[in-house]
Amino acid sequence: MVGSMGSNAGIGEWCSDLNNFIVRRRGILRPAIDMKNVNVLKENAQNCDPSCRIETIDKDAARRLVPNISVPFDLAFHMPQAVNVHPLRYLQALFLACQNLVKELSPTSHAQKAFCLHKESIVKLLDLEGSYDAAIICLGAKADMLPELSGRLPFRTCRGVIAHLELPRNMREDYPDHAPSILSNAWLSIQGTRSLYMGSTWEWKSRDSTPNVSAEEASKALQELLPKASTFYPGIKDWTFAGARAGLRAMPPKTAHGSLPLMGCVNDLVGKNCSCKYWLFGGLGSRGLLYHAWLGHLMAQAVLSSDEQVFPFELTSWKNVSR
């Protein structure tokens, strides 16, 4: 995987906080907010995978989960097995799981296997020539910073701000300890009985990737998000602002097949005479956590076989448009 990283560092440093949580809270509640929403969510609930069930519940049942939640259509959808994931710790744990798997497989294999974290600063992809047989580019919106790919990937960039809110000490009514997070036209990711994250804004065409949020940007984000959150959780008015962070999304283009990830070999963009084969893994969008493992498995097969036909054609069709 290619990243613009700094000096070499041990895996222990990178995974130093794995003693903390990966899954903060289980359960997500989605109240229906309009008739279109009702119809789509009903269809989803009827066709959901049995291993990840969606419960259709009424207003009273929703309020037993989250007291005082507003359910205007007397209908909400509860996903009891859904989870809030800490992304960095999840990636750290995933790395360690892969490393442990290699250790388990090595004694039974004739070929020596190793799984290493190597940090190296690069200016361009061609800096990797001669060092690797293959490189997978998974830099999100920053993939466009590589000169070989700059302006040649059909990402739709979008900056998003997330606000951290806390309950003041003089407020006695905590958010219930085992109550779910809430997903609607804004979302509330519950971090504890008196702490939550509220998101997210969508600033399309932004190129600003800094995580820092100015007071002005934070104020605008609150003006946008609080009215949305208050429509389903009126109690949000009692919470106070405690900070904000931002990130830059690399969203896939809209196509006749939907907004699908961008996968495939990009040597046509980098240079056809390269000794290293370069692969793009990007544009996963808001559903990336749901299918990243499947896509990662496909990517591994494609790299090892040097054949991008492993991917469904919908995931590589962007290359035909970009040419």
C-alpha atoms as a PDB file:
ATOM      1  CA  MET A   1       0.000   0.000   0.000  1.00  0.00           C
ATOM      2  CA  VAL A   2       1.338   3.400  -0.968  1.00  0.00           C
ATOM      3  CA  GLY A   3       1.234   6.291   1.476  1.00  0.00           C
ATOM      4  CA  SER A   4       3.073   9.558   1.967  1.00  0.00           C
ATOM      5  CA  MET A   5       4.575   8.562   5.282  1.00  0.00           C
ATOM      6  CA  GLY A   6       7.513   9.791   7.272  1.00  0.00           C
ATOM      7  CA  SER A   7      10.435   7.941   8.821  1.00  0.00           C
ATOM      8  CA  ASN A   8      10.596   4.210   9.501  1.00  0.00           C
ATOM      9  CA  ALA A   9       8.858   3.119  12.681  1.00  0.00           C
ATOM     10  CA  GLY A  10       8.104  -0.131  14.436  1.00  0.00           C
ATOM     11  CA  ILE A  11       4.722  -1.789  14.452  1.00  0.00           C
ATOM     12  CA  GLY A  12       4.603  -1.372  18.227  1.00  0.00           C
ATOM     13  CA  GLU A  13       4.508   2.412  17.876  1.00  0.00           C
ATOM     14  CA  TRP A  14       1.792   2.287  15.235  1.00  0.00           C
ATOM     15  CA  CYS A  15      -0.429  -0.058  17.272  1.00  0.00           C
ATOM     16  CA  SER A  16       0.305   1.437  20.698  1.00  0.00           C
ATOM     17  CA  ASP A  17      -3.333   2.147  21.633  1.00  0.00           C
ATOM     18  CA  LEU A  18      -4.915  -1.205  20.755  1.00  0.00           C
ATOM     19  CA  ASN A  19      -5.828  -1.750  24.399  1.00  0.00           C
ATOM     20  CA  ASN A  20      -8.608   0.794  23.827  1.00  0.00           C
ATOM     21  CA  PHE A  21     -11.955   0.007  22.213  1.00  0.00           C
ATOM     22  CA  ILE A  22     -12.522  -0.845  18.559  1.00  0.00           C
ATOM     23  CA  VAL A  23     -16.312  -1.052  18.820  1.00  0.00           C
ATOM     24  CA  ARG A  24     -17.662   1.766  20.979  1.00  0.00           C
ATOM     25  CA  ARG A  25     -21.358   0.882  20.956  1.00  0.00           C
ATOM     26  CA  ARG A  26     -23.760  -1.604  19.420  1.00  0.00           C
ATOM     27  CA  GLY A  27     -27.065  -0.748  17.793  1.00  0.00           C
ATOM     28  CA  ILE A  28     -28.194   1.932  15.350  1.00  0.00           C
ATOM     29  CA  LEU A  29     -31.695   3.409  15.225  1.00  0.00           C
ATOM     30  CA  ARG A  30     -33.041   5.053  12.065  1.00  0.00           C
ATOM     31  CA  PRO A  31     -36.337   6.950  12.394  1.00  0.00           C
ATOM     32  CA  ALA A  32     -38.289   7.445   9.165  1.00  0.00           C
ATOM     33  CA  ILE A  33     -38.478  11.156   8.276  1.00  0.00           C
ATOM     34  CA  ASP A  34     -40.596  11.180   5.083  1.00  0.00           C
ATOM     35  CA  MET A  35     -42.673   8.800   2.954  1.00  0.00           C
ATOM     36  CA  LYS A  36     -39.860   8.111   0.495  1.00  0.00           C
ATOM     37  CA  ASN A  37     -37.684   7.189   3.461  1.00  0.00           C
ATOM     38  CA  VAL A  38     -40.443   4.927   4.808  1.00  0.00           C
ATOM     39  CA  ASN A  39     -40.794   2.978   1.558  1.00  0.00           C
ATOM     40  CA  VAL A  40     -37.055   2.513   0.986  1.00  0.00           C
ATOM     41  CA  LEU A  41     -36.389   1.412   4.565  1.00  0.00           C
ATOM     42  CA  LYS A  42     -39.349  -0.979   4.584  1.00  0.00           C
ATOM     43  CA  GLU A  43     -37.973  -2.644   1.474  1.00  0.00           C
ATOM     44  CA  ASN A  44     -34.518  -2.853   3.059  1.00  0.00           C
ATOM     45  CA  ALA A  45     -35.959  -4.402   6.219  1.00  0.00           C
ATOM     46  CA  GLN A  46     -37.843  -7.030   4.202  1.00  0.00           C
ATOM     47  CA  ASN A  47     -34.798  -7.967   2.115  1.00  0.00           C
ATOM     48  CA  CYS A  48     -32.048  -7.716   4.723  1.00  0.00           C
ATOM     49  CA  ASP A  49     -29.546 -10.490   5.321  1.00  0.00           C
ATOM     50  CA  PRO A  50     -30.660 -12.684   8.257  1.00  0.00           C
ATOM     51  CA  SER A  51     -27.222 -12.297   9.850  1.00  0.00           C
ATOM     52  CA  CYS A  52     -27.714  -8.512  10.093  1.00  0.00           C
ATOM     53  CA  ARG A  53     -31.362  -8.054  10.849  1.00  0.00           C
ATOM     54  CA  ILE A  54     -33.354  -4.822  10.642  1.00  0.00           C
ATOM     55  CA  GLU A  55     -36.278  -4.555  13.054  1.00  0.00           C
ATOM     56  CA  THR A  56     -39.295  -2.431  12.106  1.00  0.00           C
ATOM     57  CA  ILE A  57     -40.559  -0.779  15.303  1.00  0.00           C
ATOM     58  CA  ASP A  58     -43.152   1.835  16.256  1.00  0.00           C
ATOM     59  CA  LYS A  59     -42.787   5.103  18.151  1.00  0.00           C
ATOM     60  CA  ASP A  60     -43.261   3.534  21.596  1.00  0.00           C
ATOM     61  CA  ALA A  61     -40.614   0.877  20.997  1.00  0.00           C
ATOM     62  CA  ALA A  62     -38.223   3.515  19.657  1.00  0.00           C
ATOM     63  CA  ARG A  63     -38.713   5.612  22.787  1.00  0.00           C
ATOM     64  CA  ARG A  64     -37.967   2.633  24.986  1.00  0.00           C
ATOM     65  CA  LEU A  65     -34.573   2.552  23.272  1.00  0.00           C
ATOM     66  CA  VAL A  66     -34.015   6.336  23.198  1.00  0.00           C
ATOM     67  CA  PRO A  67     -36.365   8.316  25.464  1.00  0.00           C
ATOM     68  CA  ASN A  68     -37.856  11.442  23.844  1.00  0.00           C
ATOM     69  CA  ILE A  69     -36.762  10.547  20.326  1.00  0.00           C
ATOM     70  CA  SER A  70     -39.066  12.035  17.693  1.00  0.00           C
ATOM     71  CA  VAL A  71     -40.636   9.498  15.314  1.00  0.00           C
ATOM     72  CA  PRO A  72     -42.956  11.540  13.040  1.00  0.00           C
ATOM     73  CA  PHE A  73     -44.248   8.602  10.970  1.00  0.00           C
ATOM     74  CA  ASP A  74     -44.612   6.242  13.958  1.00  0.00           C
ATOM     75  CA  LEU A  75     -41.989   4.072  12.301  1.00  0.00           C
ATOM     76  CA  ALA A  76     -38.309   3.461  12.961  1.00  0.00           C
ATOM     77  CA  PHE A  77     -35.773   0.850  11.952  1.00  0.00           C
ATOM     78  CA  HIS A  78     -33.544  -0.717  14.581  1.00  0.00           C
ATOM     79  CA  MET A  79     -30.323  -2.513  13.647  1.00  0.00           C
ATOM     80  CA  PRO A  80     -29.296  -4.156  16.940  1.00  0.00           C
ATOM     81  CA  GLN A  81     -26.140  -5.759  15.535  1.00  0.00           C
ATOM     82  CA  ALA A  82     -24.809  -2.614  13.856  1.00  0.00           C
ATOM     83  CA  VAL A  83     -21.717  -1.107  15.473  1.00  0.00           C
ATOM     84  CA  ASN A  84     -19.823   2.164  15.862  1.00  0.00           C
ATOM     85  CA  VAL A  85     -16.232   1.439  14.861  1.00  0.00           C
ATOM     86  CA  HIS A  86     -13.092   3.424  15.741  1.00  0.00           C
ATOM     87  CA  PRO A  87     -11.488   3.370  12.257  1.00  0.00           C
ATOM     88  CA  LEU A  88      -7.823   3.798  13.200  1.00  0.00           C
ATOM     89  CA  ARG A  89      -7.909   1.105  15.877  1.00  0.00           C
ATOM     90  CA  TYR A  90      -9.826  -1.170  13.544  1.00  0.00           C
ATOM     91  CA  LEU A  91      -7.112  -0.795  10.882  1.00  0.00           C
ATOM     92  CA  GLN A  92      -4.416  -1.398  13.488  1.00  0.00           C
ATOM     93  CA  ALA A  93      -6.150  -4.566  14.664  1.00  0.00           C
ATOM     94  CA  LEU A  94      -6.630  -5.689  11.058  1.00  0.00           C
ATOM     95  CA  PHE A  95      -2.902  -5.259  10.436  1.00  0.00           C
ATOM     96  CA  LEU A  96      -2.041  -7.348  13.497  1.00  0.00           C
ATOM     97  CA  ALA A  97      -4.549 -10.024  12.454  1.00  0.00           C
ATOM     98  CA  CYS A  98      -2.866 -10.270   9.038  1.00  0.00           C
ATOM     99  CA  GLN A  99       0.553 -10.397  10.666  1.00  0.00           C
ATOM    100  CA  ASN A 100      -0.559 -13.205  12.991  1.00  0.00           C
ATOM    101  CA  LEU A 101      -2.084 -15.125  10.075  1.00  0.00           C
ATOM    102  CA  VAL A 102       1.234 -15.024   8.214  1.00  0.00           C
ATOM    103  CA  LYS A 103       3.024 -16.369  11.311  1.00  0.00           C
ATOM    104  CA  GLU A 104       0.522 -19.224  11.559  1.00  0.00           C
ATOM    105  CA  LEU A 105       0.876 -20.123   7.870  1.00  0.00           C
ATOM    106  CA  SER A 106       4.677 -19.885   7.653  1.00  0.00           C
ATOM    107  CA  PRO A 107       5.524 -23.225   9.368  1.00  0.00           C
ATOM    108  CA  THR A 108       3.267 -25.119   6.912  1.00  0.00           C
ATOM    109  CA  SER A 109       4.582 -23.376   3.803  1.00  0.00           C
ATOM    110  CA  HIS A 110       7.707 -24.168   1.784  1.00  0.00           C
ATOM    111  CA  ALA A 111       8.175 -20.493   0.911  1.00  0.00           C
ATOM    112  CA  GLN A 112       9.104 -18.009   3.613  1.00  0.00           C
ATOM    113  CA  LYS A 113       6.397 -15.430   4.251  1.00  0.00           C
ATOM    114  CA  ALA A 114       6.626 -12.046   5.959  1.00  0.00           C
ATOM    115  CA  PHE A 115       4.179  -9.235   6.609  1.00  0.00           C
ATOM    116  CA  CYS A 116       5.857  -5.921   7.414  1.00  0.00           C
ATOM    117  CA  LEU A 117       5.021  -2.273   7.918  1.00  0.00           C
ATOM    118  CA  HIS A 118       7.549  -0.133   6.082  1.00  0.00           C
ATOM    119  CA  LYS A 119       7.208   3.638   6.066  1.00  0.00           C
ATOM    120  CA  GLU A 120       8.812   5.526   3.215  1.00  0.00           C
ATOM    121  CA  SER A 121       8.297   9.022   1.841  1.00  0.00           C
ATOM    122  CA  ILE A 122       7.745   9.245  -1.894  1.00  0.00           C
ATOM    123  CA  VAL A 123       7.139  12.143  -4.250  1.00  0.00           C
ATOM    124  CA  LYS A 124       5.818  10.083  -7.157  1.00  0.00           C
ATOM    125  CA  LEU A 125       4.829   6.493  -7.832  1.00  0.00           C
ATOM    126  CA  LEU A 126       7.859   5.899 -10.028  1.00  0.00           C
ATOM    127  CA  ASP A 127      10.005   6.268  -6.894  1.00  0.00           C
ATOM    128  CA  LEU A 128       8.900   2.698  -6.114  1.00  0.00           C
ATOM    129  CA  GLU A 129      10.335   1.272  -9.339  1.00  0.00           C
ATOM    130  CA  GLY A 130      12.777  -1.578  -8.757  1.00  0.00           C
ATOM    131  CA  SER A 131      11.695  -2.132  -5.150  1.00  0.00           C
ATOM    132  CA  TYR A 132       8.327  -3.841  -5.526  1.00  0.00           C
ATOM    133  CA  ASP A 133       6.509  -6.163  -7.907  1.00  0.00           C
ATOM    134  CA  ALA A 134       3.190  -4.466  -7.151  1.00  0.00           C
ATOM    135  CA  ALA A 135       1.888  -1.432  -5.279  1.00  0.00           C
ATOM    136  CA  ILE A 136      -1.710  -0.814  -4.188  1.00  0.00           C
ATOM    137  CA  ILE A 137      -2.659   2.861  -4.004  1.00  0.00           C
ATOM    138  CA  CYS A 138      -5.218   3.503  -1.278  1.00  0.00           C
ATOM    139  CA  LEU A 139      -4.731   7.144  -0.373  1.00  0.00           C
ATOM    140  CA  GLY A 140      -8.317   8.318  -0.586  1.00  0.00           C
ATOM    141  CA  ALA A 141      -8.567  11.906  -1.790  1.00  0.00           C
ATOM    142  CA  LYS A 142      -4.782  12.296  -1.581  1.00  0.00           C
ATOM    143  CA  ALA A 143      -4.263   9.891  -4.484  1.00  0.00           C
ATOM    144  CA  ASP A 144      -4.701  12.966  -6.671  1.00  0.00           C
ATOM    145  CA  MET A 145      -1.511  14.404  -5.127  1.00  0.00           C
ATOM    146  CA  LEU A 146       0.577  11.808  -6.942  1.00  0.00           C
ATOM    147  CA  PRO A 147       1.784  13.470 -10.172  1.00  0.00           C
ATOM    148  CA  GLU A 148       1.064  10.388 -12.293  1.00  0.00           C
ATOM    149  CA  LEU A 149      -2.602  10.385 -11.186  1.00  0.00           C
ATOM    150  CA  SER A 150      -3.232  14.099 -10.656  1.00  0.00           C
ATOM    151  CA  GLY A 151      -6.396  15.207 -12.451  1.00  0.00           C
ATOM    152  CA  ARG A 152      -6.893  11.751 -13.967  1.00  0.00           C
ATOM    153  CA  LEU A 153      -9.103  10.073 -11.363  1.00  0.00           C
ATOM    154  CA  PRO A 154     -12.864  10.756 -11.435  1.00  0.00           C
ATOM    155  CA  PHE A 155     -13.172  11.278  -7.687  1.00  0.00           C
ATOM    156  CA  ARG A 156     -15.719  13.788  -6.385  1.00  0.00           C
ATOM    157  CA  THR A 157     -14.016  15.436  -3.424  1.00  0.00           C
ATOM    158  CA  CYS A 158     -16.084  16.515  -0.452  1.00  0.00           C
ATOM    159  CA  ARG A 159     -15.020  17.975   2.897  1.00  0.00           C
ATOM    160  CA  GLY A 160     -16.986  16.900   5.947  1.00  0.00           C
ATOM    161  CA  VAL A 161     -17.032  18.365   9.460  1.00  0.00           C
ATOM    162  CA  ILE A 162     -17.958  16.352  12.559  1.00  0.00           C
ATOM    163  CA  ALA A 163     -18.840  18.111  15.822  1.00  0.00           C
ATOM    164  CA  HIS A 164     -18.099  16.742  19.289  1.00  0.00           C
ATOM    165  CA  LEU A 165     -20.835  17.547  21.812  1.00  0.00           C
ATOM    166  CA  GLU A 166     -20.998  16.988  25.563  1.00  0.00           C
ATOM    167  CA  LEU A 167     -23.680  17.292  28.210  1.00  0.00           C
ATOM    168  CA  PRO A 168     -22.994  20.104  30.706  1.00  0.00           C
ATOM    169  CA  ARG A 169     -22.437  19.073  34.308  1.00  0.00           C
ATOM    170  CA  ASN A 170     -25.676  20.706  35.428  1.00  0.00           C
ATOM    171  CA  MET A 171     -27.691  18.415  33.132  1.00  0.00           C
ATOM    172  CA  ARG A 172     -28.735  15.293  35.018  1.00  0.00           C
ATOM    173  CA  GLU A 173     -30.449  13.280  32.283  1.00  0.00           C
ATOM    174  CA  ASP A 174     -27.706  11.237  30.602  1.00  0.00           C
ATOM    175  CA  TYR A 175     -28.038   9.514  27.263  1.00  0.00           C
ATOM    176  CA  PRO A 176     -29.027   5.927  28.184  1.00  0.00           C
ATOM    177  CA  ASP A 177     -25.992   3.724  28.657  1.00  0.00           C
ATOM    178  CA  HIS A 178     -27.089   0.976  26.259  1.00  0.00           C
ATOM    179  CA  ALA A 179     -29.134   3.073  23.832  1.00  0.00           C
ATOM    180  CA  PRO A 180     -28.214   2.935  20.137  1.00  0.00           C
ATOM    181  CA  SER A 181     -26.644   5.609  17.998  1.00  0.00           C
ATOM    182  CA  ILE A 182     -29.017   7.389  15.603  1.00  0.00           C
ATOM    183  CA  LEU A 183     -28.837   7.645  11.817  1.00  0.00           C
ATOM    184  CA  SER A 184     -30.969  10.128   9.883  1.00  0.00           C
ATOM    185  CA  ASN A 185     -30.393  13.209   7.707  1.00  0.00           C
ATOM    186  CA  ALA A 186     -27.743  13.916  10.343  1.00  0.00           C
ATOM    187  CA  TRP A 187     -26.244  11.216  12.562  1.00  0.00           C
ATOM    188  CA  LEU A 188     -25.337  10.901  16.232  1.00  0.00           C
ATOM    189  CA  SER A 189     -22.509   8.533  17.116  1.00  0.00           C
ATOM    190  CA  ILE A 190     -22.815   7.979  20.855  1.00  0.00           C
ATOM    191  CA  GLN A 191     -19.469   7.827  22.671  1.00  0.00           C
ATOM    192  CA  GLY A 192     -20.784   7.609  26.220  1.00  0.00           C
ATOM    193  CA  THR A 193     -23.670   8.749  28.359  1.00  0.00           C
ATOM    194  CA  ARG A 194     -22.499  12.374  28.113  1.00  0.00           C
ATOM    195  CA  SER A 195     -20.466  12.474  24.903  1.00  0.00           C
ATOM    196  CA  LEU A 196     -21.361  12.123  21.221  1.00  0.00           C
ATOM    197  CA  TYR A 197     -20.230  12.983  17.708  1.00  0.00           C
ATOM    198  CA  MET A 198     -22.650  14.678  15.338  1.00  0.00           C
ATOM    199  CA  GLY A 199     -22.160  14.680  11.592  1.00  0.00           C
ATOM    200  CA  SER A 200     -21.652  15.385   8.942  1.00  0.00           C
ATOM    201  CA  THR A 201     -21.468  18.325   6.578  1.00  0.00           C
ATOM    202  CA  TRP A 202     -20.897  17.922   2.837  1.00  0.00           C
ATOM    203  CA  GLU A 203     -18.792  20.613   1.156  1.00  0.00           C
ATOM    204  CA  TRP A 204     -18.542  19.393  -2.405  1.00  0.00           C
ATOM    205  CA  LYS A 205     -15.515  20.238  -4.585  1.00  0.00           C
ATOM    206  CA  SER A 206     -13.453  21.241  -1.554  1.00  0.00           C
ATOM    207  CA  ARG A 207      -9.757  20.312  -1.722  1.00  0.00           C
ATOM    208  CA  ASP A 208      -9.075  21.146   1.921  1.00  0.00           C
ATOM    209  CA  SER A 209      -7.789  18.005   3.654  1.00  0.00           C
ATOM    210  CA  THR A 210      -6.696  19.559   6.941  1.00  0.00           C
ATOM    211  CA  PRO A 211      -8.390  17.990   9.993  1.00  0.00           C
ATOM    212  CA  ASN A 212      -8.329  21.302  11.826  1.00  0.00           C
ATOM    213  CA  VAL A 213     -11.581  23.273  11.909  1.00  0.00           C
ATOM    214  CA  SER A 214     -11.667  27.046  12.380  1.00  0.00           C
ATOM    215  CA  ALA A 215     -14.175  28.701  14.698  1.00  0.00           C
ATOM    216  CA  GLU A 216     -16.037  30.034  11.659  1.00  0.00           C
ATOM    217  CA  GLU A 217     -16.226  26.620   9.974  1.00  0.00           C
ATOM    218  CA  ALA A 218     -17.331  24.985  13.239  1.00  0.00           C
ATOM    219  CA  SER A 219     -20.060  27.594  13.688  1.00  0.00           C
ATOM    220  CA  LYS A 220     -21.354  26.983  10.151  1.00  0.00           C
ATOM    221  CA  ALA A 221     -21.323  23.230  10.742  1.00  0.00           C
ATOM    222  CA  LEU A 222     -23.374  23.604  13.929  1.00  0.00           C
ATOM    223  CA  GLN A 223     -25.860  25.868  12.147  1.00  0.00           C
ATOM    224  CA  GLU A 224     -26.315  23.161   9.522  1.00  0.00           C
ATOM    225  CA  LEU A 225     -26.311  20.054  11.716  1.00  0.00           C
ATOM    226  CA  LEU A 226     -28.190  21.067  14.868  1.00  0.00           C
ATOM    227  CA  PRO A 227     -31.534  21.760  13.118  1.00  0.00           C
ATOM    228  CA  LYS A 228     -31.286  18.398  11.351  1.00  0.00           C
ATOM    229  CA  ALA A 229     -30.465  16.511  14.554  1.00  0.00           C
ATOM    230  CA  SER A 230     -33.176  18.276  16.548  1.00  0.00           C
ATOM    231  CA  THR A 231     -35.876  16.963  14.186  1.00  0.00           C
ATOM    232  CA  PHE A 232     -35.340  13.441  15.527  1.00  0.00           C
ATOM    233  CA  TYR A 233     -33.573  14.119  18.858  1.00  0.00           C
ATOM    234  CA  PRO A 234     -34.906  17.385  20.354  1.00  0.00           C
ATOM    235  CA  GLY A 235     -32.723  16.928  23.427  1.00  0.00           C
ATOM    236  CA  ILE A 236     -29.665  17.831  21.350  1.00  0.00           C
ATOM    237  CA  LYS A 237     -30.350  21.479  22.306  1.00  0.00           C
ATOM    238  CA  ASP A 238     -29.085  20.690  25.822  1.00  0.00           C
ATOM    239  CA  TRP A 239     -25.664  19.527  24.607  1.00  0.00           C
ATOM    240  CA  THR A 240     -22.716  21.902  24.267  1.00  0.00           C
ATOM    241  CA  PHE A 241     -20.010  22.161  21.631  1.00  0.00           C
ATOM    242  CA  ALA A 242     -16.681  20.583  22.651  1.00  0.00           C
ATOM    243  CA  GLY A 243     -14.721  20.614  19.401  1.00  0.00           C
ATOM    244  CA  ALA A 244     -14.750  19.648  15.734  1.00  0.00           C
ATOM    245  CA  ARG A 245     -12.658  17.730  13.228  1.00  0.00           C
ATOM    246  CA  ALA A 246     -12.828  17.426   9.466  1.00  0.00           C
ATOM    247  CA  GLY A 247     -11.748  15.161   6.649  1.00  0.00           C
ATOM    248  CA  LEU A 248     -11.747  15.086   2.862  1.00  0.00           C
ATOM    249  CA  ARG A 249     -13.759  12.345   1.187  1.00  0.00           C
ATOM    250  CA  ALA A 250     -12.944  10.889  -2.233  1.00  0.00           C
ATOM    251  CA  MET A 251     -16.391   9.902  -3.441  1.00  0.00           C
ATOM    252  CA  PRO A 252     -16.824   7.767  -6.568  1.00  0.00           C
ATOM    253  CA  PRO A 253     -18.574   9.191  -9.637  1.00  0.00           C
ATOM    254  CA  LYS A 254     -22.274   8.644 -10.251  1.00  0.00           C
ATOM    255  CA  THR A 255     -22.895   6.075 -12.969  1.00  0.00           C
ATOM    256  CA  ALA A 256     -25.784   4.062 -14.384  1.00  0.00           C
ATOM    257  CA  HIS A 257     -24.770   1.318 -11.934  1.00  0.00           C
ATOM    258  CA  GLY A 258     -24.709   3.674  -8.944  1.00  0.00           C
ATOM    259  CA  SER A 259     -21.745   5.213  -7.099  1.00  0.00           C
ATOM    260  CA  LEU A 260     -19.263   2.352  -7.072  1.00  0.00           C
ATOM    261  CA  PRO A 261     -15.629   2.058  -5.928  1.00  0.00           C
ATOM    262  CA  LEU A 262     -12.748   2.583  -8.352  1.00  0.00           C
ATOM    263  CA  MET A 263     -10.586  -0.519  -8.682  1.00  0.00           C
ATOM    264  CA  GLY A 264      -8.075  -1.848 -11.164  1.00  0.00           C
ATOM    265  CA  CYS A 265      -4.592  -1.594 -12.619  1.00  0.00           C
ATOM    266  CA  VAL A 266      -3.469   1.964 -13.434  1.00  0.00           C
ATOM    267  CA  ASN A 267      -0.246   1.317 -15.332  1.00  0.00           C
ATOM    268  CA  ASP A 268      -1.851   2.983 -18.367  1.00  0.00           C
ATOM    269  CA  LEU A 269      -1.818   6.185 -16.310  1.00  0.00           C
ATOM    270  CA  VAL A 270       1.548   5.673 -14.618  1.00  0.00           C
ATOM    271  CA  GLY A 271       3.572   4.321 -17.541  1.00  0.00           C
ATOM    272  CA  LYS A 272       3.300   1.147 -19.610  1.00  0.00           C
ATOM    273  CA  ASN A 273       6.973   0.200 -19.315  1.00  0.00           C
ATOM    274  CA  CYS A 274       7.019   0.088 -15.512  1.00  0.00           C
ATOM    275  CA  SER A 275       8.533  -2.954 -13.830  1.00  0.00           C
ATOM    276  CA  CYS A 276       6.128  -2.482 -10.910  1.00  0.00           C
ATOM    277  CA  LYS A 277       2.406  -3.026 -11.393  1.00  0.00           C
ATOM    278  CA  TYR A 278       0.254  -0.290  -9.830  1.00  0.00           C
ATOM    279  CA  TRP A 279      -3.284  -0.859  -8.597  1.00  0.00           C
ATOM    280  CA  LEU A 280      -5.938   1.590  -7.406  1.00  0.00           C
ATOM    281  CA  PHE A 281      -8.197   0.862  -4.430  1.00  0.00           C
ATOM    282  CA  GLY A 282     -10.367   3.930  -3.894  1.00  0.00           C
ATOM    283  CA  GLY A 283     -13.715   5.662  -3.904  1.00  0.00           C
ATOM    284  CA  LEU A 284     -15.322   3.284  -1.414  1.00  0.00           C
ATOM    285  CA  GLY A 285     -17.708   5.993  -0.208  1.00  0.00           C
ATOM    286  CA  SER A 286     -19.972   5.788   2.815  1.00  0.00           C
ATOM    287  CA  ARG A 287     -20.508   2.028   2.444  1.00  0.00           C
ATOM    288  CA  GLY A 288     -16.817   1.196   2.385  1.00  0.00           C
ATOM    289  CA  LEU A 289     -16.789  -0.431   5.801  1.00  0.00           C
ATOM    290  CA  LEU A 290     -19.489  -2.859   4.644  1.00  0.00           C
ATOM    291  CA  TYR A 291     -17.618  -4.288   1.675  1.00  0.00           C
ATOM    292  CA  HIS A 292     -13.958  -3.357   2.131  1.00  0.00           C
ATOM    293  CA  ALA A 293     -13.011  -6.926   3.103  1.00  0.00           C
ATOM    294  CA  TRP A 294     -14.621  -8.397  -0.012  1.00  0.00           C
ATOM    295  CA  LEU A 295     -12.953  -5.776  -2.209  1.00  0.00           C
ATOM    296  CA  GLY A 296      -9.636  -6.381  -0.456  1.00  0.00           C
ATOM    297  CA  HIS A 297      -9.945 -10.098  -1.206  1.00  0.00           C
ATOM    298  CA  LEU A 298     -10.624  -9.343  -4.869  1.00  0.00           C
ATOM    299  CA  MET A 299      -7.678  -6.949  -4.972  1.00  0.00           C
ATOM    300  CA  ALA A 300      -5.333  -9.591  -3.535  1.00  0.00           C
ATOM    301  CA  GLN A 301      -6.512 -12.091  -6.162  1.00  0.00           C
ATOM    302  CA  ALA A 302      -6.067  -9.527  -8.941  1.00  0.00           C
ATOM    303  CA  VAL A 303      -2.550  -8.590  -7.822  1.00  0.00           C
ATOM    304  CA  LEU A 304      -1.373 -12.190  -7.410  1.00  0.00           C
ATOM    305  CA  SER A 305      -2.824 -13.266 -10.756  1.00  0.00           C
ATOM    306  CA  SER A 306      -1.951  -9.969 -12.488  1.00  0.00           C
ATOM    307  CA  ASP A 307      -5.489  -9.985 -13.859  1.00  0.00           C
ATOM    308  CA  GLU A 308      -7.992  -7.201 -13.204  1.00  0.00           C
ATOM    309  CA  GLN A 309     -10.809  -9.266 -14.714  1.00  0.00           C
ATOM    310  CA  VAL A 310     -11.156 -10.678 -11.204  1.00  0.00           C
ATOM    311  CA  PHE A 311     -13.181  -7.517 -10.448  1.00  0.00           C
ATOM    312  CA  PRO A 312     -16.808  -7.086 -11.531  1.00  0.00           C
ATOM    313  CA  PHE A 313     -16.655  -4.965 -14.686  1.00  0.00           C
ATOM    314  CA  GLU A 314     -18.641  -2.187 -12.972  1.00  0.00           C
ATOM    315  CA  LEU A 315     -15.648  -1.505 -10.692  1.00  0.00           C
ATOM    316  CA  THR A 316     -13.160  -1.045 -13.536  1.00  0.00           C
ATOM    317  CA  SER A 317     -15.426   0.620 -16.120  1.00  0.00           C
ATOM    318  CA  TRP A 318     -14.300   4.064 -14.889  1.00  0.00           C
ATOM    319  CA  LYS A 319     -11.029   3.488 -16.756  1.00  0.00           C
ATOM    320  CA  ASN A 320     -12.830   3.407 -20.114  1.00  0.00           C
ATOM    321  CA  VAL A 321     -14.388   6.808 -19.368  1.00  0.00           C
ATOM    322  CA  SER A 322     -11.079   8.298 -18.135  1.00  0.00           C
ATOM    323  CA  ARG A 323      -9.126   7.386 -21.263  1.00  0.00           C
END
